[in-house]
């Protein structure tokens, strides 16, 4: 393997670890796509604002969205991210589900509850391998916005439906921790730990321990 190829593969791996990017061989992207992305990531605000965003592919738009966010232009970040979430033609270098969830989390942080609810159908579509996604995230919005009884009722229904699934219970517990429902979360973590112990799932037990540590005030999530 030559040095250029090694550098390209290392770069691909680093990018894939960043938010919104898929595990993709950038050397196979459409001509100019990666170069435009990298150039945009280095731009100052005045250059960003002068961009013809409509002429960019999705990879370029995601670069611009992140840069606008870095410059404190939250509305521009939201606008571009929502356009990406709703795009028809997917770019192979992007993970649209991650972009969607990042936008959702931003809405929660900004207490834009209606916008977060508006995004739920997109979450369901993009996270089609998670059959609880729409219900979970909808419940999360309700608890955070003060519709506590409605949200907790959904969490309880899901916990009963997936009472034998340790990973599902852990996921629900993490959601409850995000909205500071520690007692309910710990109850689910106890159940998840019991199941994972029976199944001898060491990796899952470690994740449960991390969530339990957060519940004790030893960790931190993006959304309180």
N, C-alpha and C. Protein backbone atom coordinates (compact mmCIF):
# COMPACT_ATOMS: atom_id res chain seq x y z
N UNK A 1 0.85 -1.19 0.00
CA UNK A 1 0.00 0.00 0.00
C UNK A 1 0.89 1.25 0.00
N UNK A 2 0.61 2.21 -0.89
CA UNK A 2 1.45 3.41 -0.93
C UNK A 2 1.04 4.40 0.15
N UNK A 3 1.92 5.40 0.37
CA UNK A 3 1.70 6.35 1.46
C UNK A 3 0.43 7.16 1.27
N UNK A 4 0.13 7.55 0.00
CA UNK A 4 -1.07 8.35 -0.26
C UNK A 4 -2.32 7.58 0.11
N UNK A 5 -2.34 6.29 -0.23
CA UNK A 5 -3.52 5.49 0.08
C UNK A 5 -3.69 5.32 1.59
N UNK A 6 -2.55 5.10 2.29
CA UNK A 6 -2.63 4.99 3.74
C UNK A 6 -3.18 6.27 4.36
N UNK A 7 -2.71 7.41 3.87
CA UNK A 7 -3.17 8.70 4.39
C UNK A 7 -4.66 8.89 4.14
N UNK A 8 -5.10 8.50 2.94
CA UNK A 8 -6.52 8.62 2.60
C UNK A 8 -7.37 7.77 3.51
N UNK A 9 -6.95 6.52 3.75
CA UNK A 9 -7.73 5.62 4.58
C UNK A 9 -7.75 6.10 6.03
N UNK A 10 -6.61 6.60 6.51
CA UNK A 10 -6.58 7.14 7.87
C UNK A 10 -7.52 8.32 8.00
N UNK A 11 -7.51 9.19 6.96
CA UNK A 11 -8.39 10.35 6.97
C UNK A 11 -9.85 9.93 6.96
N UNK A 12 -10.19 8.91 6.16
CA UNK A 12 -11.56 8.41 6.11
C UNK A 12 -12.02 7.94 7.48
N UNK A 13 -11.15 7.22 8.19
CA UNK A 13 -11.50 6.69 9.49
C UNK A 13 -11.73 7.81 10.49
N UNK A 14 -10.89 8.85 10.44
CA UNK A 14 -11.05 9.98 11.35
C UNK A 14 -12.36 10.71 11.10
N UNK A 15 -12.69 10.94 9.84
CA UNK A 15 -13.92 11.65 9.50
C UNK A 15 -15.13 10.84 9.92
N UNK A 16 -15.09 9.51 9.72
CA UNK A 16 -16.23 8.67 10.05
C UNK A 16 -16.56 8.72 11.54
N UNK A 17 -15.57 9.04 12.37
CA UNK A 17 -15.80 9.13 13.80
C UNK A 17 -16.46 10.45 14.18
N UNK A 18 -16.49 11.42 13.28
CA UNK A 18 -17.10 12.71 13.56
C UNK A 18 -18.60 12.64 13.29
N UNK A 19 -19.32 13.54 13.92
CA UNK A 19 -20.77 13.53 13.84
C UNK A 19 -21.27 13.78 12.43
N UNK A 20 -22.19 12.93 11.97
CA UNK A 20 -22.85 13.14 10.70
C UNK A 20 -22.19 12.49 9.50
N UNK A 21 -21.07 11.83 9.71
CA UNK A 21 -20.36 11.20 8.59
C UNK A 21 -20.49 9.68 8.66
N UNK A 22 -20.60 9.07 7.49
CA UNK A 22 -20.65 7.62 7.40
C UNK A 22 -19.25 7.05 7.21
N UNK A 23 -19.15 5.74 7.33
CA UNK A 23 -17.89 5.06 7.07
C UNK A 23 -17.80 4.85 5.56
N UNK A 24 -17.07 5.73 4.91
CA UNK A 24 -17.09 5.79 3.45
C UNK A 24 -15.68 6.03 2.92
N UNK A 25 -15.37 5.44 1.79
CA UNK A 25 -14.09 5.67 1.12
C UNK A 25 -14.19 6.98 0.34
N UNK A 26 -13.55 8.04 0.86
CA UNK A 26 -13.67 9.35 0.24
C UNK A 26 -12.99 9.42 -1.12
N UNK A 27 -12.09 8.50 -1.40
CA UNK A 27 -11.43 8.52 -2.71
C UNK A 27 -12.40 8.13 -3.82
N UNK A 28 -13.54 7.55 -3.45
CA UNK A 28 -14.54 7.14 -4.44
C UNK A 28 -15.71 8.11 -4.54
N UNK A 29 -15.62 9.23 -3.85
CA UNK A 29 -16.70 10.21 -3.91
C UNK A 29 -16.71 10.90 -5.27
N UNK A 30 -17.85 11.50 -5.63
CA UNK A 30 -17.91 12.26 -6.88
C UNK A 30 -16.80 13.30 -6.94
N UNK A 31 -16.32 13.55 -8.11
CA UNK A 31 -15.18 14.44 -8.30
C UNK A 31 -15.43 15.83 -7.69
N UNK A 32 -14.51 16.25 -6.88
CA UNK A 32 -14.57 17.59 -6.28
C UNK A 32 -15.36 17.66 -4.98
N UNK A 33 -16.10 16.60 -4.63
CA UNK A 33 -16.96 16.66 -3.45
C UNK A 33 -16.14 16.80 -2.17
N UNK A 34 -15.14 15.96 -2.01
CA UNK A 34 -14.32 16.01 -0.79
C UNK A 34 -13.53 17.31 -0.72
N UNK A 35 -13.02 17.75 -1.86
CA UNK A 35 -12.22 18.97 -1.89
C UNK A 35 -13.06 20.19 -1.50
N UNK A 36 -14.30 20.26 -2.01
CA UNK A 36 -15.18 21.38 -1.65
C UNK A 36 -15.48 21.36 -0.15
N UNK A 37 -15.77 20.17 0.36
CA UNK A 37 -16.05 20.01 1.79
C UNK A 37 -14.89 20.55 2.62
N UNK A 38 -13.67 20.12 2.29
CA UNK A 38 -12.50 20.52 3.07
C UNK A 38 -12.25 22.02 2.98
N UNK A 39 -12.48 22.58 1.80
CA UNK A 39 -12.29 24.03 1.63
C UNK A 39 -13.29 24.82 2.47
N UNK A 40 -14.54 24.36 2.49
CA UNK A 40 -15.58 25.04 3.26
C UNK A 40 -15.26 24.99 4.75
N UNK A 41 -14.75 23.87 5.21
CA UNK A 41 -14.43 23.72 6.63
C UNK A 41 -13.37 24.70 7.10
N UNK A 42 -12.62 25.27 6.17
CA UNK A 42 -11.56 26.21 6.52
C UNK A 42 -12.00 27.67 6.35
N UNK A 43 -13.25 27.90 5.93
CA UNK A 43 -13.69 29.26 5.61
C UNK A 43 -13.98 30.10 6.84
N UNK A 44 -13.79 31.40 6.67
CA UNK A 44 -14.23 32.38 7.66
C UNK A 44 -15.70 32.71 7.39
N UNK A 45 -16.32 33.41 8.32
CA UNK A 45 -17.76 33.65 8.23
C UNK A 45 -18.16 34.42 6.98
N UNK A 46 -17.40 35.42 6.60
CA UNK A 46 -17.79 36.20 5.43
C UNK A 46 -17.77 35.35 4.17
N UNK A 47 -16.82 34.43 4.08
CA UNK A 47 -16.77 33.53 2.92
C UNK A 47 -17.94 32.55 2.95
N UNK A 48 -18.28 32.07 4.13
CA UNK A 48 -19.42 31.17 4.25
C UNK A 48 -20.71 31.84 3.78
N UNK A 49 -20.89 33.08 4.23
CA UNK A 49 -22.12 33.80 3.88
C UNK A 49 -22.20 34.11 2.40
N UNK A 50 -21.06 34.10 1.71
CA UNK A 50 -21.04 34.37 0.27
C UNK A 50 -21.25 33.11 -0.56
N UNK A 51 -21.29 31.95 0.08
CA UNK A 51 -21.43 30.70 -0.66
C UNK A 51 -22.79 30.61 -1.36
N UNK A 52 -22.79 30.02 -2.53
CA UNK A 52 -24.04 29.66 -3.20
C UNK A 52 -24.42 28.27 -2.70
N UNK A 53 -25.17 28.23 -1.61
CA UNK A 53 -25.48 26.97 -0.94
C UNK A 53 -26.26 26.02 -1.84
N UNK A 54 -27.10 26.57 -2.70
CA UNK A 54 -27.91 25.73 -3.58
C UNK A 54 -27.06 24.93 -4.55
N UNK A 55 -25.86 25.41 -4.84
CA UNK A 55 -25.00 24.72 -5.79
C UNK A 55 -24.17 23.60 -5.15
N UNK A 56 -24.20 23.51 -3.83
CA UNK A 56 -23.40 22.53 -3.12
C UNK A 56 -24.11 21.18 -3.04
N UNK A 57 -23.32 20.12 -3.03
CA UNK A 57 -23.90 18.82 -2.73
C UNK A 57 -24.09 18.72 -1.22
N UNK A 58 -24.67 17.61 -0.76
CA UNK A 58 -24.99 17.51 0.66
C UNK A 58 -23.75 17.52 1.55
N UNK A 59 -22.66 16.98 1.06
CA UNK A 59 -21.44 16.99 1.86
C UNK A 59 -20.96 18.43 2.09
N UNK A 60 -21.04 19.24 1.05
CA UNK A 60 -20.67 20.64 1.19
C UNK A 60 -21.63 21.38 2.11
N UNK A 61 -22.92 21.06 2.01
CA UNK A 61 -23.90 21.72 2.87
C UNK A 61 -23.68 21.35 4.34
N UNK A 62 -23.30 20.11 4.60
CA UNK A 62 -23.04 19.70 5.98
C UNK A 62 -21.80 20.41 6.52
N UNK A 63 -20.79 20.57 5.68
CA UNK A 63 -19.61 21.34 6.08
C UNK A 63 -20.02 22.77 6.44
N UNK A 64 -20.82 23.39 5.58
CA UNK A 64 -21.27 24.76 5.83
C UNK A 64 -22.11 24.85 7.10
N UNK A 65 -22.99 23.87 7.29
CA UNK A 65 -23.84 23.87 8.49
C UNK A 65 -23.01 23.85 9.76
N UNK A 66 -22.00 22.99 9.78
CA UNK A 66 -21.14 22.89 10.97
C UNK A 66 -20.37 24.18 11.21
N UNK A 67 -19.90 24.79 10.13
CA UNK A 67 -19.15 26.03 10.27
C UNK A 67 -20.04 27.17 10.76
N UNK A 68 -21.26 27.25 10.23
CA UNK A 68 -22.19 28.27 10.72
C UNK A 68 -22.44 28.08 12.22
N UNK A 69 -22.58 26.82 12.63
CA UNK A 69 -22.79 26.53 14.05
C UNK A 69 -21.59 26.97 14.88
N UNK A 70 -20.40 26.72 14.37
CA UNK A 70 -19.18 27.13 15.08
C UNK A 70 -19.10 28.64 15.25
N UNK A 71 -19.66 29.37 14.26
CA UNK A 71 -19.65 30.83 14.33
C UNK A 71 -20.87 31.38 15.09
N UNK A 72 -21.64 30.50 15.71
CA UNK A 72 -22.79 30.94 16.48
C UNK A 72 -24.02 31.25 15.67
N UNK A 73 -24.01 30.85 14.38
CA UNK A 73 -25.16 31.09 13.50
C UNK A 73 -26.12 29.90 13.58
N UNK A 74 -26.78 29.77 14.74
CA UNK A 74 -27.60 28.59 15.02
C UNK A 74 -28.74 28.43 14.03
N UNK A 75 -29.38 29.52 13.67
CA UNK A 75 -30.51 29.44 12.74
C UNK A 75 -30.06 28.87 11.39
N UNK A 76 -28.89 29.27 10.92
CA UNK A 76 -28.38 28.76 9.66
C UNK A 76 -28.07 27.26 9.77
N UNK A 77 -27.51 26.87 10.92
CA UNK A 77 -27.25 25.46 11.16
C UNK A 77 -28.55 24.66 11.12
N UNK A 78 -29.57 25.16 11.79
CA UNK A 78 -30.86 24.46 11.80
C UNK A 78 -31.44 24.38 10.39
N UNK A 79 -31.39 25.48 9.66
CA UNK A 79 -31.95 25.53 8.31
C UNK A 79 -31.28 24.50 7.39
N UNK A 80 -29.96 24.48 7.40
CA UNK A 80 -29.23 23.55 6.53
C UNK A 80 -29.41 22.11 6.98
N UNK A 81 -29.39 21.88 8.28
CA UNK A 81 -29.55 20.51 8.79
C UNK A 81 -30.92 19.95 8.44
N UNK A 82 -31.95 20.78 8.57
CA UNK A 82 -33.30 20.31 8.23
C UNK A 82 -33.39 19.99 6.74
N UNK A 83 -32.77 20.82 5.92
CA UNK A 83 -32.77 20.54 4.47
C UNK A 83 -32.07 19.21 4.17
N UNK A 84 -31.00 18.93 4.88
CA UNK A 84 -30.30 17.66 4.68
C UNK A 84 -31.16 16.48 5.12
N UNK A 85 -31.82 16.64 6.24
CA UNK A 85 -32.68 15.56 6.75
C UNK A 85 -33.78 15.22 5.74
N UNK A 86 -34.26 16.25 5.01
CA UNK A 86 -35.37 16.05 4.09
C UNK A 86 -34.91 15.81 2.65
N UNK A 87 -33.61 15.71 2.42
CA UNK A 87 -33.11 15.59 1.06
C UNK A 87 -33.57 14.28 0.42
N UNK A 88 -33.72 14.28 -0.88
CA UNK A 88 -34.16 13.08 -1.61
C UNK A 88 -32.98 12.20 -2.01
N UNK A 89 -31.90 12.84 -2.45
CA UNK A 89 -30.74 12.09 -2.93
C UNK A 89 -29.67 12.09 -1.86
N UNK A 90 -29.38 10.91 -1.33
CA UNK A 90 -28.43 10.81 -0.22
C UNK A 90 -26.99 10.81 -0.71
N UNK A 91 -26.13 11.47 0.08
CA UNK A 91 -24.70 11.48 -0.21
C UNK A 91 -24.06 10.31 0.56
N UNK A 92 -23.22 9.54 -0.09
CA UNK A 92 -22.67 8.33 0.57
C UNK A 92 -21.78 8.63 1.77
N UNK A 93 -21.26 9.83 1.89
CA UNK A 93 -20.34 10.15 2.98
C UNK A 93 -21.05 10.65 4.24
N UNK A 94 -22.38 10.75 4.19
CA UNK A 94 -23.11 11.31 5.32
C UNK A 94 -23.99 10.27 6.00
N UNK A 95 -24.11 10.41 7.32
CA UNK A 95 -25.04 9.62 8.11
C UNK A 95 -26.21 10.55 8.47
N UNK A 96 -27.28 10.45 7.73
CA UNK A 96 -28.39 11.39 7.88
C UNK A 96 -29.14 11.19 9.20
N UNK A 97 -29.11 9.98 9.74
CA UNK A 97 -29.76 9.77 11.03
C UNK A 97 -29.04 10.54 12.13
N UNK A 98 -27.71 10.59 12.08
CA UNK A 98 -26.95 11.36 13.07
C UNK A 98 -27.23 12.85 12.93
N UNK A 99 -27.31 13.33 11.70
CA UNK A 99 -27.62 14.74 11.48
C UNK A 99 -29.00 15.07 12.04
N UNK A 100 -29.94 14.18 11.81
CA UNK A 100 -31.30 14.38 12.31
C UNK A 100 -31.33 14.45 13.83
N UNK A 101 -30.63 13.54 14.49
CA UNK A 101 -30.61 13.52 15.95
C UNK A 101 -29.86 14.72 16.52
N UNK A 102 -28.82 15.17 15.82
CA UNK A 102 -28.12 16.37 16.28
C UNK A 102 -29.04 17.58 16.21
N UNK A 103 -29.82 17.69 15.15
CA UNK A 103 -30.78 18.78 15.03
C UNK A 103 -31.84 18.67 16.12
N UNK A 104 -32.32 17.47 16.36
CA UNK A 104 -33.32 17.23 17.41
C UNK A 104 -32.77 17.66 18.77
N UNK A 105 -31.53 17.25 19.07
CA UNK A 105 -30.93 17.63 20.35
C UNK A 105 -30.76 19.14 20.47
N UNK A 106 -30.43 19.79 19.36
CA UNK A 106 -30.32 21.25 19.37
C UNK A 106 -31.67 21.89 19.71
N UNK A 107 -32.72 21.36 19.10
CA UNK A 107 -34.06 21.88 19.41
C UNK A 107 -34.38 21.72 20.90
N UNK A 108 -34.00 20.58 21.47
CA UNK A 108 -34.25 20.37 22.89
C UNK A 108 -33.46 21.36 23.74
N UNK A 109 -32.21 21.55 23.41
CA UNK A 109 -31.38 22.49 24.16
C UNK A 109 -31.93 23.91 24.11
N UNK A 110 -32.50 24.26 22.96
CA UNK A 110 -33.06 25.61 22.77
C UNK A 110 -34.53 25.69 23.19
N UNK A 111 -35.06 24.57 23.71
CA UNK A 111 -36.46 24.48 24.14
C UNK A 111 -37.42 24.82 23.00
N UNK A 112 -37.05 24.42 21.78
CA UNK A 112 -37.93 24.58 20.63
C UNK A 112 -38.77 23.30 20.49
N UNK A 113 -39.72 23.17 21.40
CA UNK A 113 -40.45 21.92 21.52
C UNK A 113 -41.23 21.56 20.26
N UNK A 114 -41.92 22.53 19.68
CA UNK A 114 -42.73 22.25 18.49
C UNK A 114 -41.86 21.80 17.32
N UNK A 115 -40.69 22.43 17.18
CA UNK A 115 -39.78 22.02 16.12
C UNK A 115 -39.29 20.59 16.35
N UNK A 116 -39.04 20.25 17.62
CA UNK A 116 -38.60 18.89 17.93
C UNK A 116 -39.69 17.88 17.58
N UNK A 117 -40.93 18.19 17.92
CA UNK A 117 -42.05 17.30 17.59
C UNK A 117 -42.21 17.17 16.08
N UNK A 118 -42.02 18.29 15.38
CA UNK A 118 -42.13 18.31 13.91
C UNK A 118 -41.11 17.37 13.27
N UNK A 119 -40.02 17.11 13.97
CA UNK A 119 -38.94 16.27 13.44
C UNK A 119 -39.16 14.78 13.70
N UNK A 120 -40.14 14.43 14.52
CA UNK A 120 -40.34 13.03 14.89
C UNK A 120 -40.58 12.09 13.70
N UNK A 121 -41.37 12.49 12.70
CA UNK A 121 -41.52 11.59 11.54
C UNK A 121 -40.20 11.33 10.81
N UNK A 122 -39.32 12.31 10.79
CA UNK A 122 -38.02 12.14 10.15
C UNK A 122 -37.15 11.18 10.97
N UNK A 123 -37.23 11.30 12.29
CA UNK A 123 -36.50 10.37 13.16
C UNK A 123 -36.98 8.94 12.91
N UNK A 124 -38.29 8.77 12.84
CA UNK A 124 -38.84 7.43 12.59
C UNK A 124 -38.38 6.89 11.24
N UNK A 125 -38.33 7.74 10.23
CA UNK A 125 -37.94 7.31 8.88
C UNK A 125 -36.45 6.98 8.81
N UNK A 126 -35.62 7.80 9.43
CA UNK A 126 -34.18 7.62 9.31
C UNK A 126 -33.62 6.57 10.28
N UNK A 127 -34.33 6.34 11.38
CA UNK A 127 -33.93 5.31 12.34
C UNK A 127 -34.88 4.13 12.21
N UNK A 128 -35.01 3.65 10.97
CA UNK A 128 -36.01 2.61 10.72
C UNK A 128 -35.67 1.26 11.34
N UNK A 129 -34.44 1.12 11.87
CA UNK A 129 -34.08 -0.11 12.56
C UNK A 129 -34.39 -0.04 14.05
N UNK A 130 -34.92 1.09 14.51
CA UNK A 130 -35.30 1.27 15.91
C UNK A 130 -36.80 1.53 15.97
N UNK A 131 -37.53 0.47 16.26
CA UNK A 131 -39.00 0.59 16.21
C UNK A 131 -39.56 1.42 17.37
N UNK A 132 -38.74 1.75 18.36
CA UNK A 132 -39.22 2.57 19.47
C UNK A 132 -38.86 4.04 19.31
N UNK A 133 -38.13 4.40 18.26
CA UNK A 133 -37.54 5.73 18.17
C UNK A 133 -38.57 6.85 18.29
N UNK A 134 -39.61 6.79 17.47
CA UNK A 134 -40.56 7.91 17.48
C UNK A 134 -41.25 8.04 18.84
N UNK A 135 -41.65 6.91 19.40
CA UNK A 135 -42.33 6.96 20.70
C UNK A 135 -41.39 7.46 21.80
N UNK A 136 -40.15 6.98 21.81
CA UNK A 136 -39.18 7.38 22.83
C UNK A 136 -38.88 8.86 22.78
N UNK A 137 -38.55 9.33 21.58
CA UNK A 137 -38.18 10.73 21.45
C UNK A 137 -39.37 11.65 21.66
N UNK A 138 -40.54 11.18 21.28
CA UNK A 138 -41.74 11.96 21.56
C UNK A 138 -42.00 12.07 23.06
N UNK A 139 -41.79 10.96 23.77
CA UNK A 139 -41.96 10.97 25.22
C UNK A 139 -40.93 11.88 25.88
N UNK A 140 -39.71 11.86 25.35
CA UNK A 140 -38.65 12.71 25.89
C UNK A 140 -39.03 14.19 25.77
N UNK A 141 -39.55 14.57 24.61
CA UNK A 141 -39.98 15.96 24.42
C UNK A 141 -41.07 16.31 25.43
N UNK A 142 -42.03 15.44 25.60
CA UNK A 142 -43.14 15.73 26.51
C UNK A 142 -42.67 15.94 27.94
N UNK A 143 -41.76 15.08 28.42
CA UNK A 143 -41.27 15.24 29.79
C UNK A 143 -40.51 16.54 29.92
N UNK A 144 -39.63 16.84 28.98
CA UNK A 144 -38.80 18.04 29.07
C UNK A 144 -39.63 19.32 28.97
N UNK A 145 -40.73 19.28 28.22
CA UNK A 145 -41.53 20.50 28.04
C UNK A 145 -42.58 20.65 29.15
N UNK A 146 -42.63 19.68 30.08
CA UNK A 146 -43.54 19.80 31.20
C UNK A 146 -44.79 18.96 31.12
N UNK A 147 -44.96 18.23 30.04
CA UNK A 147 -46.10 17.31 29.93
C UNK A 147 -45.67 15.95 30.48
N UNK A 148 -45.32 15.98 31.76
CA UNK A 148 -44.62 14.86 32.40
C UNK A 148 -45.44 13.58 32.40
N UNK A 149 -46.69 13.67 32.79
CA UNK A 149 -47.51 12.46 32.89
C UNK A 149 -47.63 11.76 31.54
N UNK A 150 -47.84 12.53 30.48
CA UNK A 150 -47.97 11.95 29.15
C UNK A 150 -46.67 11.25 28.75
N UNK A 151 -45.55 11.91 28.97
CA UNK A 151 -44.27 11.33 28.59
C UNK A 151 -43.94 10.09 29.38
N UNK A 152 -44.12 10.15 30.70
CA UNK A 152 -43.78 8.99 31.54
C UNK A 152 -44.69 7.80 31.25
N UNK A 153 -45.92 8.08 30.87
CA UNK A 153 -46.84 6.98 30.52
C UNK A 153 -46.31 6.20 29.33
N UNK A 154 -45.77 6.90 28.34
CA UNK A 154 -45.20 6.24 27.16
C UNK A 154 -43.96 5.44 27.55
N UNK A 155 -43.09 6.02 28.37
CA UNK A 155 -41.91 5.29 28.82
C UNK A 155 -42.32 4.01 29.55
N UNK A 156 -43.35 4.10 30.38
CA UNK A 156 -43.81 2.93 31.12
C UNK A 156 -44.35 1.86 30.18
N UNK A 157 -45.10 2.28 29.16
CA UNK A 157 -45.64 1.32 28.19
C UNK A 157 -44.51 0.61 27.44
N UNK A 158 -43.50 1.37 27.05
CA UNK A 158 -42.36 0.77 26.34
C UNK A 158 -41.58 -0.16 27.25
N UNK A 159 -41.41 0.22 28.52
CA UNK A 159 -40.69 -0.64 29.46
C UNK A 159 -41.41 -1.97 29.66
N UNK A 160 -42.72 -1.93 29.66
CA UNK A 160 -43.49 -3.18 29.80
C UNK A 160 -43.42 -4.00 28.53
N UNK A 161 -43.45 -3.34 27.39
CA UNK A 161 -43.40 -4.06 26.11
C UNK A 161 -42.05 -4.74 25.92
N UNK A 162 -40.98 -4.10 26.39
CA UNK A 162 -39.63 -4.64 26.19
C UNK A 162 -39.00 -5.07 27.51
N UNK A 163 -39.81 -5.64 28.38
CA UNK A 163 -39.34 -5.98 29.72
C UNK A 163 -38.27 -7.06 29.74
N UNK A 164 -38.14 -7.82 28.66
CA UNK A 164 -37.13 -8.88 28.60
C UNK A 164 -35.93 -8.50 27.74
N UNK A 165 -35.87 -7.25 27.31
CA UNK A 165 -34.81 -6.79 26.41
C UNK A 165 -33.91 -5.82 27.17
N UNK A 166 -32.73 -6.28 27.57
CA UNK A 166 -31.84 -5.46 28.39
C UNK A 166 -31.39 -4.20 27.68
N UNK A 167 -31.08 -4.32 26.38
CA UNK A 167 -30.63 -3.14 25.64
C UNK A 167 -31.74 -2.11 25.52
N UNK A 168 -32.96 -2.55 25.25
CA UNK A 168 -34.09 -1.63 25.16
C UNK A 168 -34.33 -0.92 26.49
N UNK A 169 -34.23 -1.66 27.59
CA UNK A 169 -34.42 -1.06 28.91
C UNK A 169 -33.33 -0.05 29.22
N UNK A 170 -32.09 -0.37 28.83
CA UNK A 170 -30.99 0.58 29.01
C UNK A 170 -31.24 1.86 28.22
N UNK A 171 -31.70 1.71 26.99
CA UNK A 171 -31.98 2.87 26.15
C UNK A 171 -33.06 3.75 26.77
N UNK A 172 -34.11 3.13 27.27
CA UNK A 172 -35.17 3.88 27.93
C UNK A 172 -34.65 4.57 29.19
N UNK A 173 -33.80 3.88 29.94
CA UNK A 173 -33.22 4.47 31.15
C UNK A 173 -32.38 5.69 30.80
N UNK A 174 -31.60 5.59 29.74
CA UNK A 174 -30.78 6.73 29.32
C UNK A 174 -31.66 7.92 28.94
N UNK A 175 -32.77 7.65 28.26
CA UNK A 175 -33.70 8.73 27.92
C UNK A 175 -34.26 9.39 29.18
N UNK A 176 -34.60 8.58 30.16
CA UNK A 176 -35.14 9.11 31.41
C UNK A 176 -34.09 9.93 32.16
N UNK A 177 -32.84 9.51 32.08
CA UNK A 177 -31.78 10.28 32.72
C UNK A 177 -31.59 11.64 32.06
N UNK A 178 -31.82 11.69 30.75
CA UNK A 178 -31.69 12.96 30.04
C UNK A 178 -32.71 13.98 30.53
N UNK A 179 -33.83 13.50 31.03
CA UNK A 179 -34.83 14.45 31.55
C UNK A 179 -34.90 14.36 33.08
N UNK A 180 -33.81 13.89 33.69
CA UNK A 180 -33.62 13.92 35.13
C UNK A 180 -34.66 13.13 35.91
N UNK A 181 -35.14 12.05 35.33
CA UNK A 181 -36.05 11.15 36.04
C UNK A 181 -35.20 9.99 36.57
N UNK A 182 -34.42 10.29 37.60
CA UNK A 182 -33.40 9.35 38.07
C UNK A 182 -34.02 8.10 38.69
N UNK A 183 -35.05 8.25 39.50
CA UNK A 183 -35.66 7.10 40.16
C UNK A 183 -36.18 6.10 39.15
N UNK A 184 -36.92 6.59 38.15
CA UNK A 184 -37.46 5.70 37.13
C UNK A 184 -36.34 5.06 36.32
N UNK A 185 -35.29 5.83 36.03
CA UNK A 185 -34.17 5.30 35.26
C UNK A 185 -33.45 4.20 36.02
N UNK A 186 -33.21 4.41 37.30
CA UNK A 186 -32.50 3.40 38.09
C UNK A 186 -33.29 2.10 38.16
N UNK A 187 -34.60 2.20 38.22
CA UNK A 187 -35.43 0.99 38.23
C UNK A 187 -35.23 0.18 36.95
N UNK A 188 -35.19 0.86 35.82
CA UNK A 188 -34.97 0.17 34.55
C UNK A 188 -33.55 -0.36 34.44
N UNK A 189 -32.59 0.37 34.98
CA UNK A 189 -31.20 -0.10 34.96
C UNK A 189 -31.05 -1.37 35.79
N UNK A 190 -31.77 -1.46 36.90
CA UNK A 190 -31.74 -2.68 37.71
C UNK A 190 -32.25 -3.88 36.91
N UNK A 191 -33.36 -3.67 36.20
CA UNK A 191 -33.93 -4.75 35.39
C UNK A 191 -33.00 -5.13 34.25
N UNK A 192 -32.42 -4.11 33.59
CA UNK A 192 -31.50 -4.38 32.49
C UNK A 192 -30.28 -5.14 32.98
N UNK A 193 -29.77 -4.76 34.13
CA UNK A 193 -28.58 -5.43 34.68
C UNK A 193 -28.88 -6.89 35.01
N UNK A 194 -30.04 -7.14 35.55
CA UNK A 194 -30.42 -8.51 35.88
C UNK A 194 -30.45 -9.39 34.63
N UNK A 195 -31.04 -8.88 33.56
CA UNK A 195 -31.13 -9.65 32.31
C UNK A 195 -29.74 -9.82 31.69
N UNK A 196 -28.97 -8.75 31.64
CA UNK A 196 -27.63 -8.82 31.05
C UNK A 196 -26.73 -9.77 31.83
N UNK A 197 -26.89 -9.83 33.14
CA UNK A 197 -26.10 -10.75 33.96
C UNK A 197 -26.44 -12.20 33.63
N UNK A 198 -27.72 -12.47 33.49
CA UNK A 198 -28.16 -13.83 33.13
C UNK A 198 -27.60 -14.23 31.77
N UNK A 199 -27.57 -13.27 30.84
CA UNK A 199 -27.07 -13.53 29.49
C UNK A 199 -25.55 -13.41 29.40
N UNK A 200 -24.92 -13.01 30.51
CA UNK A 200 -23.46 -12.84 30.57
C UNK A 200 -22.96 -11.90 29.48
N UNK A 201 -23.68 -10.80 29.28
CA UNK A 201 -23.32 -9.80 28.28
C UNK A 201 -22.45 -8.74 28.95
N UNK A 202 -21.13 -8.95 28.92
CA UNK A 202 -20.22 -8.07 29.63
C UNK A 202 -20.21 -6.65 29.06
N UNK A 203 -20.28 -6.55 27.75
CA UNK A 203 -20.27 -5.22 27.12
C UNK A 203 -21.48 -4.40 27.56
N UNK A 204 -22.63 -5.05 27.56
CA UNK A 204 -23.84 -4.34 27.97
C UNK A 204 -23.80 -4.01 29.46
N UNK A 205 -23.25 -4.89 30.26
CA UNK A 205 -23.12 -4.61 31.69
C UNK A 205 -22.24 -3.38 31.93
N UNK A 206 -21.20 -3.23 31.12
CA UNK A 206 -20.34 -2.05 31.25
C UNK A 206 -21.11 -0.78 30.90
N UNK A 207 -21.96 -0.85 29.86
CA UNK A 207 -22.76 0.32 29.49
C UNK A 207 -23.77 0.66 30.57
N UNK A 208 -24.35 -0.36 31.17
CA UNK A 208 -25.29 -0.13 32.27
C UNK A 208 -24.58 0.54 33.44
N UNK A 209 -23.36 0.09 33.73
CA UNK A 209 -22.58 0.69 34.82
C UNK A 209 -22.28 2.16 34.54
N UNK A 210 -22.01 2.50 33.27
CA UNK A 210 -21.76 3.89 32.90
C UNK A 210 -23.01 4.74 33.14
N UNK A 211 -24.17 4.20 32.77
CA UNK A 211 -25.41 4.95 32.98
C UNK A 211 -25.71 5.09 34.47
N UNK A 212 -25.42 4.06 35.23
CA UNK A 212 -25.64 4.13 36.68
C UNK A 212 -24.71 5.20 37.30
N UNK A 213 -23.48 5.28 36.79
CA UNK A 213 -22.55 6.29 37.28
C UNK A 213 -23.07 7.69 37.00
N UNK A 214 -23.66 7.88 35.81
CA UNK A 214 -24.25 9.18 35.49
C UNK A 214 -25.39 9.50 36.44
N UNK A 215 -26.20 8.49 36.76
CA UNK A 215 -27.32 8.71 37.67
C UNK A 215 -26.83 9.14 39.05
N UNK A 216 -25.61 8.76 39.39
CA UNK A 216 -25.04 9.17 40.68
C UNK A 216 -24.34 10.52 40.58
N UNK A 217 -24.42 11.14 39.42
CA UNK A 217 -23.80 12.44 39.24
C UNK A 217 -22.36 12.39 38.83
N UNK A 218 -21.94 11.24 38.26
CA UNK A 218 -20.54 11.06 37.88
C UNK A 218 -20.32 11.16 36.38
N UNK A 219 -21.36 11.52 35.63
CA UNK A 219 -21.23 11.60 34.17
C UNK A 219 -21.97 12.81 33.64
N UNK A 220 -22.01 12.92 32.30
CA UNK A 220 -22.64 14.09 31.69
C UNK A 220 -23.19 13.71 30.32
N UNK A 221 -24.44 14.13 30.04
CA UNK A 221 -25.05 13.95 28.73
C UNK A 221 -25.14 15.29 28.03
N UNK A 222 -25.34 15.24 26.72
CA UNK A 222 -25.45 16.47 25.94
C UNK A 222 -26.69 17.27 26.34
N UNK A 223 -27.77 16.56 26.66
CA UNK A 223 -29.02 17.22 27.03
C UNK A 223 -29.31 16.89 28.49
N UNK A 224 -29.43 17.87 29.37
CA UNK A 224 -29.62 17.60 30.81
C UNK A 224 -31.00 17.01 31.08
